Amino acid sequence: MTITQPDLTVFETVESEVRSYCRAWPTIFDRAQGSYMYDEDGHTYLDFFAGAGTLNYGHNNPVLKRALIDYLERDGVTHGLDMSTTAKRAFLESFRDVILRPRGLDHKVMFPGPTGTNSVEAALKLARKVKGRESIVSFTNAFHGMSLGALAVTGNAFKRAGAGIPLVHGTPMPFDDYLDGRTPDFIWFESLLEDQGSGLNKPAAVIVETVQGEGGINVARAEWLRSLADLCKRHDMLLIVDDIQMGCGRTGPFFSFEEAGITPDIITLSKSIGGYGLPLALTLFRPELDVWEPGEHNGTFRGNNPAFVTAAAALDTYWSDGQMEKQTLARGEQVEAALRAIIDEGSESGVHHRGRGLVWGMEFPGPDRATAICRRAFELGLLLETSGPQSEVVKLLPALTITPEELDEGLRILARAVRETA
């Protein structure tokens, strides 16, 4: 596919230098449907990015679009702060009946603001309020958001540097297999907790991703997560699972921690919880942790009613019968087989693949190769991004609703991009 460089003058002269994704994909997108995006020149792109995991049900999903249009056409409330509305009621009822109760969860639902970092900030504030302690433990290569509290528990040095001030009250510990299996799980962490001379302030909570998306598709083993949950319980620390990118079915089950059989004290959700790409975030917590005073944490856009509408439609359509989980796991097997074949076909050493459900990564030695593969894939009509501390991982994040044929198409393009950049 031949791509003519678009006229980006207004973006280059008016928009801030902080823009990023548009630099990797130098075209002007005009419309999107399902797993495809189209630019204003008519080029077609298969989307293996899905709005960084915001579009688990694809672009402009027709079921969700119909629900949204019907709501807007009847002049449904679009902005309501945290007022009670029919849209919020319908979402809360669906979330309770379709997601929480079938999983034996009685967590309270908080609307902290419309983005993932809002959800993390609320979780950290609540943990500190409940426990009366300041320190939060996070993990190497973690990513939890770009606001100051979330950055303090994020590992990436480049992102942390943007804060402009010291990031305090966060303590990093090794993520699963960070030391290549040479050290027993949590031996360092627990030793610090038990040693009165360690200098570690007793943490209020531990925050963890079950699969580190931005960190390089690092997958925590179920037994590691169970051991972490047990450690938190024994040492009176709250367990926060950040399910912002890996929740809403990305790894198969609705919550990514279900496979491990653990019950977090606090759960953060955003990205695809809105269903349609509309901003929405939730912070979930056990009822006994609901110690907020009215208005103690608030925000102007924490009641996004159009997102409540599409979120409820997504839950009722895709999560009431268990089929979405089965489909995602089957698609994941398809991806894993293709990645294994791509690696076997090449003669390079040091290339690895890893993932769960429909989040996968291919790790290459050094950052240049993964970036080159994503650039070539874009030229061939496939949208991919890199992840990892050095952008050394090619990250696959297609919509959960992608068809097997579309998945095959994208994986063939990826294989070609790998060959042509060798």
Protein backbone atom coordinates (compact mmCIF):
# COMPACT_ATOMS: atom_id res chain seq x y z
CA MET A 1 0.00 0.00 0.00
CA THR A 2 1.38 3.39 -0.99
CA ILE A 3 0.77 6.13 1.55
CA THR A 4 1.11 9.79 0.63
CA GLN A 5 2.32 11.88 3.54
CA PRO A 6 -0.66 14.03 4.61
CA ASP A 7 -0.64 17.75 5.21
CA LEU A 8 -0.12 17.86 8.97
CA THR A 9 0.39 21.62 9.17
CA VAL A 10 -2.35 22.40 11.69
CA PHE A 11 -1.30 19.53 13.93
CA GLU A 12 2.33 20.59 13.80
CA THR A 13 1.69 24.29 14.33
CA VAL A 14 -1.19 24.28 16.79
CA GLU A 15 -1.08 20.99 18.69
CA SER A 16 1.49 20.47 21.46
CA GLU A 17 4.74 18.56 20.98
CA VAL A 18 3.45 16.09 23.59
CA ARG A 19 1.41 14.28 20.90
CA SER A 20 2.70 10.75 20.40
CA TYR A 21 0.59 8.10 18.68
CA CYS A 22 0.08 10.30 15.63
CA ARG A 23 3.85 10.35 15.08
CA ALA A 24 3.91 6.57 14.64
CA TRP A 25 0.92 6.62 12.29
CA PRO A 26 1.41 9.64 10.00
CA THR A 27 -1.99 9.78 8.40
CA ILE A 28 -5.31 11.47 9.12
CA PHE A 29 -7.97 8.97 10.13
CA ASP A 30 -11.53 9.73 9.11
CA ARG A 31 -13.80 6.84 10.10
CA ALA A 32 -13.74 3.38 11.66
CA GLN A 33 -15.92 0.31 11.93
CA GLY A 34 -15.31 -2.99 13.68
CA SER A 35 -11.62 -3.85 13.46
CA TYR A 36 -10.82 -1.40 10.66
CA MET A 37 -9.89 2.27 10.45
CA TYR A 38 -9.91 4.37 7.28
CA ASP A 39 -7.95 7.51 6.55
CA GLU A 40 -9.18 10.48 4.56
CA ASP A 41 -7.38 9.22 1.45
CA GLY A 42 -9.29 5.94 1.51
CA HIS A 43 -6.54 3.67 2.87
CA THR A 44 -7.70 0.81 5.09
CA TYR A 45 -5.94 -0.24 8.31
CA LEU A 46 -6.60 -3.35 10.36
CA ASP A 47 -6.54 -2.24 13.98
CA PHE A 48 -4.46 -4.33 16.41
CA PHE A 49 -4.34 -1.40 18.84
CA ALA A 50 -8.04 -0.92 19.74
CA GLY A 51 -7.59 2.48 21.34
CA ALA A 52 -4.96 1.08 23.74
CA GLY A 53 -7.58 -1.41 24.90
CA THR A 54 -10.47 1.04 25.00
CA LEU A 55 -12.34 -0.59 22.11
CA ASN A 56 -12.68 -4.22 23.17
CA TYR A 57 -15.94 -4.41 21.20
CA GLY A 58 -14.55 -2.73 18.09
CA HIS A 59 -15.08 0.68 16.52
CA ASN A 60 -18.66 1.93 16.30
CA ASN A 61 -20.12 -1.35 17.47
CA PRO A 62 -23.62 -1.33 15.95
CA VAL A 63 -25.42 -2.62 19.06
CA LEU A 64 -23.79 -0.04 21.31
CA LYS A 65 -24.21 2.71 18.72
CA ARG A 66 -27.93 2.03 18.46
CA ALA A 67 -28.34 2.25 22.24
CA LEU A 68 -26.42 5.52 22.32
CA ILE A 69 -28.33 7.11 19.43
CA ASP A 70 -31.67 6.13 20.94
CA TYR A 71 -30.64 7.69 24.25
CA LEU A 72 -29.48 10.94 22.66
CA GLU A 73 -32.52 11.20 20.39
CA ARG A 74 -34.86 11.10 23.38
CA ASP A 75 -32.83 13.87 25.06
CA GLY A 76 -31.40 11.64 27.75
CA VAL A 77 -29.21 13.39 30.31
CA THR A 78 -25.69 13.81 28.92
CA HIS A 79 -24.05 15.53 31.89
CA GLY A 80 -25.17 14.85 35.42
CA LEU A 81 -22.20 15.08 37.81
CA ASP A 82 -23.06 12.34 40.32
CA MET A 83 -26.81 12.88 40.20
CA SER A 84 -29.03 9.81 40.09
CA THR A 85 -30.15 9.19 36.52
CA THR A 86 -31.94 6.41 34.69
CA ALA A 87 -28.74 5.74 32.70
CA LYS A 88 -26.65 5.33 35.84
CA ARG A 89 -29.29 3.09 37.41
CA ALA A 90 -29.39 0.82 34.37
CA PHE A 91 -25.60 0.52 34.35
CA LEU A 92 -25.32 -0.21 38.07
CA GLU A 93 -28.05 -2.84 37.84
CA SER A 94 -26.35 -4.52 34.88
CA PHE A 95 -22.92 -4.38 36.48
CA ARG A 96 -24.28 -5.84 39.71
CA ASP A 97 -26.33 -8.59 38.05
CA VAL A 98 -24.06 -9.54 35.14
CA ILE A 99 -20.59 -9.02 36.61
CA LEU A 100 -20.46 -8.76 40.41
CA ARG A 101 -23.03 -11.23 41.72
CA PRO A 102 -22.12 -14.15 39.41
CA ARG A 103 -18.52 -13.81 40.66
CA GLY A 104 -19.47 -13.62 44.33
CA LEU A 105 -18.30 -10.01 44.62
CA ASP A 106 -20.08 -7.42 46.76
CA HIS A 107 -17.74 -4.52 46.00
CA LYS A 108 -19.10 -0.98 46.10
CA VAL A 109 -18.87 1.02 42.85
CA MET A 110 -17.32 4.49 42.81
CA PHE A 111 -17.19 6.82 39.80
CA PRO A 112 -13.94 8.73 40.44
CA GLY A 113 -13.62 10.60 37.14
CA PRO A 114 -13.58 9.39 33.56
CA THR A 115 -10.02 8.08 33.08
CA GLY A 116 -7.87 5.25 34.36
CA THR A 117 -5.50 7.48 36.26
CA ASN A 118 -8.52 8.97 38.09
CA SER A 119 -9.44 5.48 39.21
CA VAL A 120 -5.91 4.78 40.44
CA GLU A 121 -5.74 8.08 42.31
CA ALA A 122 -9.00 7.25 44.10
CA ALA A 123 -7.73 3.77 44.97
CA LEU A 124 -4.50 5.13 46.45
CA LYS A 125 -6.30 7.84 48.42
CA LEU A 126 -8.81 5.35 49.81
CA ALA A 127 -6.12 2.84 50.82
CA ARG A 128 -4.20 5.53 52.68
CA LYS A 129 -7.37 6.81 54.35
CA VAL A 130 -8.41 3.34 55.50
CA LYS A 131 -5.00 2.24 56.78
CA GLY A 132 -3.66 5.57 57.99
CA ARG A 133 -0.35 4.96 56.20
CA GLU A 134 1.30 6.68 53.25
CA SER A 135 3.48 4.10 51.50
CA ILE A 136 2.22 2.10 48.52
CA VAL A 137 4.16 -0.82 47.05
CA SER A 138 4.20 -1.23 43.28
CA PHE A 139 6.26 -3.40 40.94
CA THR A 140 9.08 -3.07 38.47
CA ASN A 141 7.90 -2.03 34.97
CA ALA A 142 4.45 -1.11 36.30
CA PHE A 143 2.32 1.53 34.62
CA HIS A 144 -0.64 3.04 36.48
CA GLY A 145 -1.22 6.45 34.90
CA MET A 146 0.22 9.92 34.32
CA SER A 147 -1.10 11.99 37.24
CA LEU A 148 1.26 12.45 40.18
CA GLY A 149 -0.05 9.76 42.51
CA ALA A 150 -0.24 7.20 39.72
CA LEU A 151 3.20 8.18 38.44
CA ALA A 152 4.66 7.54 41.88
CA VAL A 153 3.75 3.85 41.49
CA THR A 154 4.79 3.69 37.81
CA GLY A 155 8.17 2.26 36.89
CA ASN A 156 9.02 3.85 33.53
CA ALA A 157 11.81 6.41 34.02
CA PHE A 158 10.81 8.51 31.00
CA LYS A 159 7.23 8.92 32.19
CA ARG A 160 8.30 9.56 35.79
CA ALA A 161 10.67 12.30 34.67
CA GLY A 162 7.76 14.29 33.26
CA ALA A 163 6.40 14.89 36.77
CA GLY A 164 8.91 17.67 37.45
CA ILE A 165 8.92 16.98 41.20
CA PRO A 166 10.06 14.08 43.40
CA LEU A 167 7.61 11.19 43.32
CA VAL A 168 7.29 9.95 46.87
CA HIS A 169 5.46 7.39 49.03
CA GLY A 170 5.88 4.63 46.45
CA THR A 171 8.19 1.61 46.88
CA PRO A 172 8.96 -0.72 43.93
CA MET A 173 9.38 -4.47 44.35
CA PRO A 174 10.33 -7.13 41.76
CA PHE A 175 7.47 -8.28 39.51
CA ASP A 176 6.99 -11.98 38.79
CA ASP A 177 10.16 -13.47 37.23
CA TYR A 178 11.93 -10.10 37.26
CA LEU A 179 15.03 -11.92 38.56
CA ASP A 180 14.65 -14.85 36.10
CA GLY A 181 13.61 -17.31 38.77
CA ARG A 182 16.88 -17.00 40.69
CA THR A 183 15.17 -15.73 43.86
CA PRO A 184 12.12 -17.18 45.62
CA ASP A 185 8.97 -15.11 45.23
CA PHE A 186 8.63 -12.21 47.70
CA ILE A 187 11.69 -13.17 49.78
CA TRP A 188 13.02 -9.59 49.57
CA PHE A 189 9.59 -7.99 50.08
CA GLU A 190 8.69 -10.08 53.12
CA SER A 191 12.15 -9.72 54.65
CA LEU A 192 11.79 -5.94 54.53
CA LEU A 193 8.33 -6.12 56.08
CA GLU A 194 9.54 -8.27 58.97
CA ASP A 195 12.88 -6.57 59.66
CA GLN A 196 12.54 -3.61 62.04
CA GLY A 197 15.79 -2.26 60.63
CA SER A 198 14.88 -2.42 56.95
CA GLY A 199 13.78 1.20 56.69
CA LEU A 200 10.59 0.25 54.84
CA ASN A 201 7.59 2.22 56.02
CA LYS A 202 4.73 -0.23 56.45
CA PRO A 203 2.64 0.04 53.27
CA ALA A 204 -1.05 0.82 53.18
CA ALA A 205 -1.47 -1.24 50.03
CA VAL A 206 0.12 -3.06 47.12
CA ILE A 207 -0.93 -2.21 43.57
CA VAL A 208 -0.37 -4.71 40.75
CA GLU A 209 -1.26 -5.46 37.14
CA THR A 210 -1.80 -9.14 36.41
CA VAL A 211 -0.37 -8.50 32.93
CA GLN A 212 1.84 -5.46 32.53
CA GLY A 213 0.71 -3.96 29.23
CA GLU A 214 2.88 -0.85 28.92
CA GLY A 215 5.68 -2.64 30.77
CA GLY A 216 6.15 -5.20 27.99
CA ILE A 217 3.33 -7.80 28.26
CA ASN A 218 4.79 -9.31 31.42
CA VAL A 219 2.38 -12.00 32.59
CA ALA A 220 2.13 -12.81 36.29
CA ARG A 221 1.61 -16.47 37.11
CA ALA A 222 -1.56 -17.39 38.97
CA GLU A 223 0.47 -18.86 41.84
CA TRP A 224 2.49 -15.63 42.13
CA LEU A 225 -0.71 -13.60 42.39
CA ARG A 226 -2.09 -15.97 45.03
CA SER A 227 1.11 -15.65 47.03
CA LEU A 228 0.90 -11.87 46.76
CA ALA A 229 -2.69 -11.87 48.01
CA ASP A 230 -1.67 -14.06 50.94
CA LEU A 231 1.27 -11.77 51.75
CA CYS A 232 -1.03 -8.75 51.80
CA LYS A 233 -3.45 -10.47 54.14
CA ARG A 234 -0.73 -11.60 56.57
CA HIS A 235 0.82 -8.15 56.75
CA ASP A 236 -2.39 -6.07 56.87
CA MET A 237 -1.94 -4.44 53.46
CA LEU A 238 -4.74 -3.84 50.97
CA LEU A 239 -4.43 -5.48 47.56
CA ILE A 240 -5.25 -3.22 44.61
CA VAL A 241 -5.50 -4.85 41.17
CA ASP A 242 -5.19 -2.37 38.32
CA ASP A 243 -7.45 -3.90 35.67
CA ILE A 244 -7.73 -0.79 33.55
CA GLN A 245 -6.27 -2.33 30.39
CA MET A 246 -6.49 -6.05 31.19
CA GLY A 247 -10.04 -6.04 32.56
CA CYS A 248 -13.31 -6.13 30.64
CA GLY A 249 -12.38 -9.46 29.12
CA ARG A 250 -8.98 -8.69 27.63
CA THR A 251 -7.37 -11.82 29.12
CA GLY A 252 -10.50 -14.00 28.75
CA PRO A 253 -12.52 -13.66 31.99
CA PHE A 254 -14.10 -10.28 32.67
CA PHE A 255 -11.55 -9.59 35.42
CA SER A 256 -7.98 -10.60 34.71
CA PHE A 257 -7.45 -11.88 38.28
CA GLU A 258 -10.23 -14.48 38.07
CA GLU A 259 -7.83 -17.16 36.81
CA ALA A 260 -5.79 -16.83 40.02
CA GLY A 261 -8.87 -17.19 42.23
CA ILE A 262 -8.09 -14.09 44.28
CA THR A 263 -10.40 -11.33 45.50
CA PRO A 264 -8.71 -7.90 45.53
CA ASP A 265 -9.68 -5.37 48.15
CA ILE A 266 -9.77 -2.62 45.50
CA ILE A 267 -10.10 -2.91 41.69
CA THR A 268 -9.57 -0.17 39.14
CA LEU A 269 -11.41 -0.28 35.80
CA SER A 270 -11.53 2.10 32.85
CA LYS A 271 -10.77 1.90 29.10
CA SER A 272 -13.31 -0.64 27.76
CA ILE A 273 -15.79 -0.44 30.64
CA GLY A 274 -17.57 2.29 28.64
CA GLY A 275 -17.90 -0.12 25.72
CA TYR A 276 -17.91 2.42 22.93
CA GLY A 277 -14.71 4.30 23.67
CA LEU A 278 -16.51 6.91 25.76
CA PRO A 279 -14.64 7.98 28.92
CA LEU A 280 -15.66 6.08 32.04
CA ALA A 281 -13.79 4.74 35.06
CA LEU A 282 -14.75 2.78 38.15
CA THR A 283 -13.04 2.13 41.46
CA LEU A 284 -14.44 -0.95 43.17
CA PHE A 285 -13.82 -1.80 46.82
CA ARG A 286 -15.06 -4.08 49.55
CA PRO A 287 -18.03 -2.54 51.42
CA GLU A 288 -16.15 -2.18 54.71
CA LEU A 289 -13.62 0.08 52.96
CA ASP A 290 -16.30 2.59 51.95
CA VAL A 291 -15.23 5.24 54.47
CA TRP A 292 -15.51 8.24 52.15
CA GLU A 293 -17.30 11.35 53.38
CA PRO A 294 -19.81 12.73 50.82
CA GLY A 295 -17.91 14.78 48.27
CA GLU A 296 -14.50 13.88 49.70
CA HIS A 297 -13.41 12.72 46.27
CA ASN A 298 -15.30 14.23 43.37
CA GLY A 299 -14.98 15.55 39.82
CA THR A 300 -17.06 17.34 37.23
CA PHE A 301 -17.16 14.48 34.74
CA ARG A 302 -17.57 11.47 36.99
CA GLY A 303 -21.14 10.85 35.80
CA ASN A 304 -20.75 10.22 32.07
CA ASN A 305 -24.31 9.21 31.21
CA PRO A 306 -23.75 8.39 27.50
CA ALA A 307 -20.98 6.02 28.64
CA PHE A 308 -23.36 4.44 31.17
CA VAL A 309 -25.69 3.66 28.26
CA THR A 310 -23.06 1.98 26.08
CA ALA A 311 -21.47 0.26 29.07
CA ALA A 312 -24.76 -1.34 30.10
CA ALA A 313 -25.43 -2.40 26.50
CA ALA A 314 -21.98 -4.00 26.30
CA LEU A 315 -22.46 -5.94 29.53
CA ASP A 316 -25.93 -7.17 28.57
CA THR A 317 -24.85 -8.09 25.03
CA TYR A 318 -21.46 -9.72 25.62
CA TRP A 319 -21.26 -10.89 29.25
CA SER A 320 -24.57 -12.49 30.14
CA ASP A 321 -23.88 -15.96 28.70
CA GLY A 322 -20.14 -16.68 29.04
CA GLN A 323 -19.50 -16.86 25.31
CA MET A 324 -17.20 -13.84 25.12
CA GLU A 325 -14.67 -15.45 27.45
CA LYS A 326 -14.62 -18.67 25.42
CA GLN A 327 -14.26 -16.76 22.16
CA THR A 328 -11.41 -14.62 23.48
CA LEU A 329 -9.48 -17.64 24.73
CA ALA A 330 -9.93 -19.35 21.35
CA ARG A 331 -8.71 -16.27 19.51
CA GLY A 332 -5.77 -16.16 21.90
CA GLU A 333 -4.77 -19.69 20.93
CA GLN A 334 -4.90 -18.59 17.29
CA VAL A 335 -2.55 -15.68 18.00
CA GLU A 336 -0.15 -17.77 20.05
CA ALA A 337 0.17 -20.39 17.29
CA ALA A 338 0.87 -17.69 14.71
CA LEU A 339 3.49 -15.96 16.85
CA ARG A 340 5.23 -19.28 17.49
CA ALA A 341 5.30 -19.91 13.74
CA ILE A 342 6.73 -16.45 13.04
CA ILE A 343 9.52 -17.02 15.56
CA ASP A 344 10.24 -20.54 14.26
CA GLU A 345 10.40 -19.21 10.69
CA GLY A 346 13.09 -16.68 11.53
CA SER A 347 16.73 -17.40 12.28
CA GLU A 348 17.07 -14.77 15.00
CA SER A 349 17.88 -15.57 18.59
CA GLY A 350 16.48 -13.85 21.61
CA VAL A 351 12.95 -13.39 20.23
CA HIS A 352 10.18 -14.39 22.63
CA HIS A 353 6.40 -14.23 22.74
CA ARG A 354 4.07 -14.08 25.72
CA GLY A 355 0.50 -13.14 26.57
CA ARG A 356 -2.97 -14.21 27.66
CA GLY A 357 -6.34 -14.03 25.95
CA LEU A 358 -6.08 -11.27 23.35
CA VAL A 359 -3.07 -9.38 24.65
CA TRP A 360 0.25 -10.61 23.24
CA GLY A 361 3.76 -9.37 22.77
CA MET A 362 6.82 -10.31 20.74
CA GLU A 363 10.05 -9.24 22.42
CA PHE A 364 13.10 -8.46 20.28
CA PRO A 365 16.66 -7.73 21.41
CA GLY A 366 16.98 -3.93 21.55
CA PRO A 367 14.42 -1.24 20.77
CA ASP A 368 15.08 -0.58 17.08
CA ARG A 369 13.70 -3.81 15.68
CA ALA A 370 10.28 -3.64 17.32
CA THR A 371 9.88 -0.03 16.21
CA ALA A 372 10.86 -0.93 12.64
CA ILE A 373 8.35 -3.80 12.58
CA CYS A 374 5.52 -1.54 13.73
CA ARG A 375 6.49 1.07 11.15
CA ARG A 376 6.53 -1.50 8.34
CA ALA A 377 3.23 -2.99 9.54
CA PHE A 378 1.65 0.47 9.29
CA GLU A 379 2.87 0.77 5.69
CA LEU A 380 1.23 -2.61 5.02
CA GLY A 381 -2.06 -1.57 6.63
CA LEU A 382 -1.80 -2.84 10.22
CA LEU A 383 -1.81 -0.70 13.37
CA LEU A 384 0.53 -1.95 16.09
CA GLU A 385 2.37 -0.26 18.94
CA THR A 386 5.47 -1.07 20.96
CA SER A 387 5.71 -1.47 24.72
CA GLY A 388 8.35 -2.26 27.31
CA PRO A 389 10.93 -0.02 28.99
CA GLN A 390 12.94 0.27 25.77
CA SER A 391 10.05 -0.18 23.30
CA GLU A 392 11.47 -3.62 22.60
CA VAL A 393 8.10 -5.44 22.46
CA VAL A 394 5.63 -5.49 19.57
CA LYS A 395 2.25 -5.37 21.27
CA LEU A 396 -0.91 -7.00 19.87
CA LEU A 397 -4.21 -5.70 21.28
CA PRO A 398 -7.00 -6.45 18.77
CA ALA A 399 -10.69 -6.04 19.54
CA LEU A 400 -12.29 -9.01 21.31
CA THR A 401 -14.93 -9.03 18.57
CA ILE A 402 -12.39 -9.54 15.77
CA THR A 403 -13.19 -12.45 13.44
CA PRO A 404 -10.79 -15.36 12.88
CA GLU A 405 -10.34 -14.19 9.28
CA GLU A 406 -9.45 -10.64 10.34
CA LEU A 407 -7.07 -12.01 12.93
CA ASP A 408 -5.37 -14.18 10.30
CA GLU A 409 -5.08 -11.18 8.00
CA GLY A 410 -3.34 -9.12 10.65
CA LEU A 411 -1.04 -11.94 11.70
CA ARG A 412 0.03 -12.46 8.07
CA ILE A 413 0.89 -8.77 7.82
CA LEU A 414 2.85 -9.01 11.07
CA ALA A 415 4.78 -12.01 9.74
CA ARG A 416 5.63 -10.09 6.57
CA ALA A 417 6.75 -7.04 8.58
CA VAL A 418 9.02 -9.25 10.69
CA ARG A 419 10.57 -10.84 7.58
CA GLU A 420 11.05 -7.55 5.76
CA THR A 421 12.80 -5.87 8.69
CA ALA A 422 15.18 -8.73 9.48
